[in-house]
Amino acid sequence: MKLAKSVLTVTLGLGLVGLAQPVQAAKRSHTVPTTFRHTWYAYDHGTYDRLTLTKHSLKGIMRYEGGARQIWASAKGNKLGVWSHGKNKLNIYKTTRGYHLASQPINLTHGSKAGHARLYVHSDGYQANYYRTKSVAYRYR
């Protein structure tokens, strides 16, 4: 009787654990979701910064003082580490900045502002709002 009771208890416990809703874990891949793929623009200090996301790459270009264009982040192919947290939040790991591997991920949040698609980018103290067209980026500078 005690054996049957303990087997029933263990079975019931395992059944309840199986029915519990799993916590939404990050999905890891090397592919950028389609909602993020595009060329995004931000207007800053009289120039446009550009962030291009394709299926297997990321490339961010910005202008520094003096007008020189520089790549602030890049990753390509299997070196692109993507962690997707739902359809509107994305973390990109294994990016390079200059010639060094970045220590922090690039956090991307997809949303909208007054009906225009917006991409909020945050990484290592850098934060900016990017938009799909230059005219919208200029409007919300």
Protein backbone atom coordinates (compact mmCIF):
# COMPACT_ATOMS: atom_id res chain seq x y z
CA MET A 1 0.00 0.00 0.00
CA LYS A 2 2.80 2.44 0.87
CA LEU A 3 4.56 1.63 -2.41
CA ALA A 4 1.41 2.28 -4.44
CA LYS A 5 0.84 5.55 -2.60
CA SER A 6 4.39 6.77 -3.21
CA VAL A 7 4.26 5.78 -6.90
CA LEU A 8 0.96 7.66 -7.25
CA THR A 9 2.42 10.72 -5.52
CA VAL A 10 5.50 10.74 -7.75
CA THR A 11 3.40 10.27 -10.90
CA LEU A 12 1.03 13.06 -9.88
CA GLY A 13 3.97 15.38 -9.12
CA LEU A 14 5.59 14.71 -12.48
CA GLY A 15 2.27 15.28 -14.21
CA LEU A 16 1.84 18.68 -12.56
CA VAL A 17 5.38 19.69 -13.47
CA GLY A 18 4.66 18.74 -17.09
CA LEU A 19 1.53 20.90 -17.15
CA ALA A 20 3.27 24.01 -15.83
CA GLN A 21 3.77 26.77 -18.38
CA PRO A 22 7.44 27.08 -19.30
CA VAL A 23 9.14 30.43 -18.85
CA GLN A 24 9.68 32.05 -22.22
CA ALA A 25 13.32 31.32 -22.84
CA ALA A 26 15.47 33.04 -25.39
CA LYS A 27 15.73 31.32 -28.73
CA ARG A 28 19.34 31.10 -29.92
CA SER A 29 20.27 31.13 -33.59
CA HIS A 30 22.47 32.74 -36.24
CA THR A 31 19.50 34.27 -38.08
CA VAL A 32 17.94 37.71 -37.58
CA PRO A 33 14.09 37.58 -37.46
CA THR A 34 12.29 39.14 -40.42
CA THR A 35 10.74 42.00 -38.40
CA PHE A 36 14.24 43.38 -37.72
CA ARG A 37 15.71 42.96 -41.23
CA HIS A 38 16.03 46.31 -42.92
CA THR A 39 18.29 49.35 -43.21
CA TRP A 40 17.53 51.63 -40.27
CA TYR A 41 18.51 55.30 -39.93
CA ALA A 42 19.14 57.65 -37.01
CA TYR A 43 19.81 61.37 -37.34
CA ASP A 44 22.50 62.69 -35.02
CA HIS A 45 24.48 65.96 -35.14
CA GLY A 46 23.69 66.74 -38.77
CA THR A 47 24.46 63.26 -40.16
CA TYR A 48 22.67 59.96 -40.53
CA ASP A 49 23.84 56.83 -38.74
CA ARG A 50 22.91 53.58 -40.47
CA LEU A 51 22.24 50.10 -39.11
CA THR A 52 21.75 47.32 -41.64
CA LEU A 53 20.33 43.98 -40.54
CA THR A 54 20.08 41.10 -42.99
CA LYS A 55 19.29 37.44 -42.45
CA HIS A 56 22.86 36.57 -41.42
CA SER A 57 24.59 39.90 -40.74
CA LEU A 58 24.60 43.17 -38.84
CA LYS A 59 26.53 46.28 -39.76
CA GLY A 60 26.29 49.64 -38.03
CA ILE A 61 27.95 52.75 -39.46
CA MET A 62 28.09 56.12 -37.75
CA ARG A 63 29.92 59.40 -38.24
CA TYR A 64 32.24 60.68 -35.59
CA GLU A 65 33.56 64.19 -35.07
CA GLY A 66 35.39 65.30 -38.16
CA GLY A 67 32.93 63.51 -40.46
CA ALA A 68 34.81 60.20 -40.70
CA ARG A 69 32.52 57.22 -41.19
CA GLN A 70 33.29 54.29 -38.94
CA ILE A 71 31.79 50.90 -38.30
CA TRP A 72 30.55 50.74 -34.72
CA ALA A 73 29.37 47.12 -34.86
CA SER A 74 29.57 44.21 -37.26
CA ALA A 75 28.92 40.48 -37.31
CA LYS A 76 28.42 38.01 -40.11
CA GLY A 77 27.51 34.37 -40.72
CA ASN A 78 28.12 31.82 -37.97
CA LYS A 79 29.80 34.50 -35.86
CA LEU A 80 26.45 36.27 -35.50
CA GLY A 81 24.90 35.20 -32.19
CA VAL A 82 21.19 36.05 -32.00
CA TRP A 83 19.04 35.57 -28.91
CA SER A 84 15.40 36.30 -29.61
CA HIS A 85 13.10 37.14 -26.69
CA GLY A 86 9.71 37.12 -28.39
CA LYS A 87 8.96 38.96 -31.61
CA ASN A 88 9.92 42.48 -30.45
CA LYS A 89 13.14 42.04 -28.46
CA LEU A 90 16.48 40.79 -29.71
CA ASN A 91 20.01 40.56 -28.31
CA ILE A 92 22.93 40.19 -30.70
CA TYR A 93 26.15 38.73 -29.31
CA LYS A 94 29.58 38.07 -30.77
CA THR A 95 29.79 41.41 -32.57
CA THR A 96 33.04 43.19 -33.24
CA ARG A 97 33.66 46.86 -32.66
CA GLY A 98 36.72 48.03 -34.46
CA TYR A 99 38.94 44.95 -34.29
CA HIS A 100 37.87 43.78 -30.83
CA LEU A 101 35.11 41.43 -29.78
CA ALA A 102 32.43 43.44 -27.98
CA SER A 103 31.96 42.64 -24.31
CA GLN A 104 28.25 43.52 -24.20
CA PRO A 105 25.43 42.47 -26.52
CA ILE A 106 23.52 44.87 -28.72
CA ASN A 107 19.95 45.06 -27.43
CA LEU A 108 17.32 45.78 -30.08
CA THR A 109 13.67 46.51 -29.34
CA HIS A 110 11.21 46.81 -32.23
CA GLY A 111 8.24 49.12 -31.80
CA SER A 112 6.53 52.12 -33.34
CA LYS A 113 6.24 55.85 -32.78
CA ALA A 114 3.23 57.67 -34.23
CA GLY A 115 2.69 54.81 -36.68
CA HIS A 116 6.32 54.65 -37.87
CA ALA A 117 8.47 51.57 -37.30
CA ARG A 118 11.14 52.26 -34.70
CA LEU A 119 14.15 50.26 -33.55
CA TYR A 120 15.57 51.15 -30.14
CA VAL A 121 19.26 50.21 -29.95
CA HIS A 122 21.16 50.01 -26.67
CA SER A 123 24.69 48.74 -26.04
CA ASP A 124 27.67 49.78 -23.90
CA GLY A 125 26.21 53.19 -23.09
CA TYR A 126 25.20 53.83 -26.72
CA GLN A 127 21.48 54.27 -27.19
CA ALA A 128 19.54 55.58 -30.14
CA ASN A 129 16.23 55.29 -31.96
CA TYR A 130 16.49 54.14 -35.57
CA TYR A 131 13.74 54.48 -38.18
CA ARG A 132 13.14 52.90 -41.59
CA THR A 133 13.49 56.11 -43.61
CA LYS A 134 15.76 59.12 -43.36
CA SER A 135 12.85 61.54 -43.39
CA VAL A 136 11.27 59.95 -40.31
CA ALA A 137 14.65 59.80 -38.58
CA TYR A 138 15.10 63.51 -39.25
CA ARG A 139 11.59 64.27 -37.94
CA TYR A 140 12.24 62.50 -34.60
CA ARG A 141 15.84 63.65 -34.12
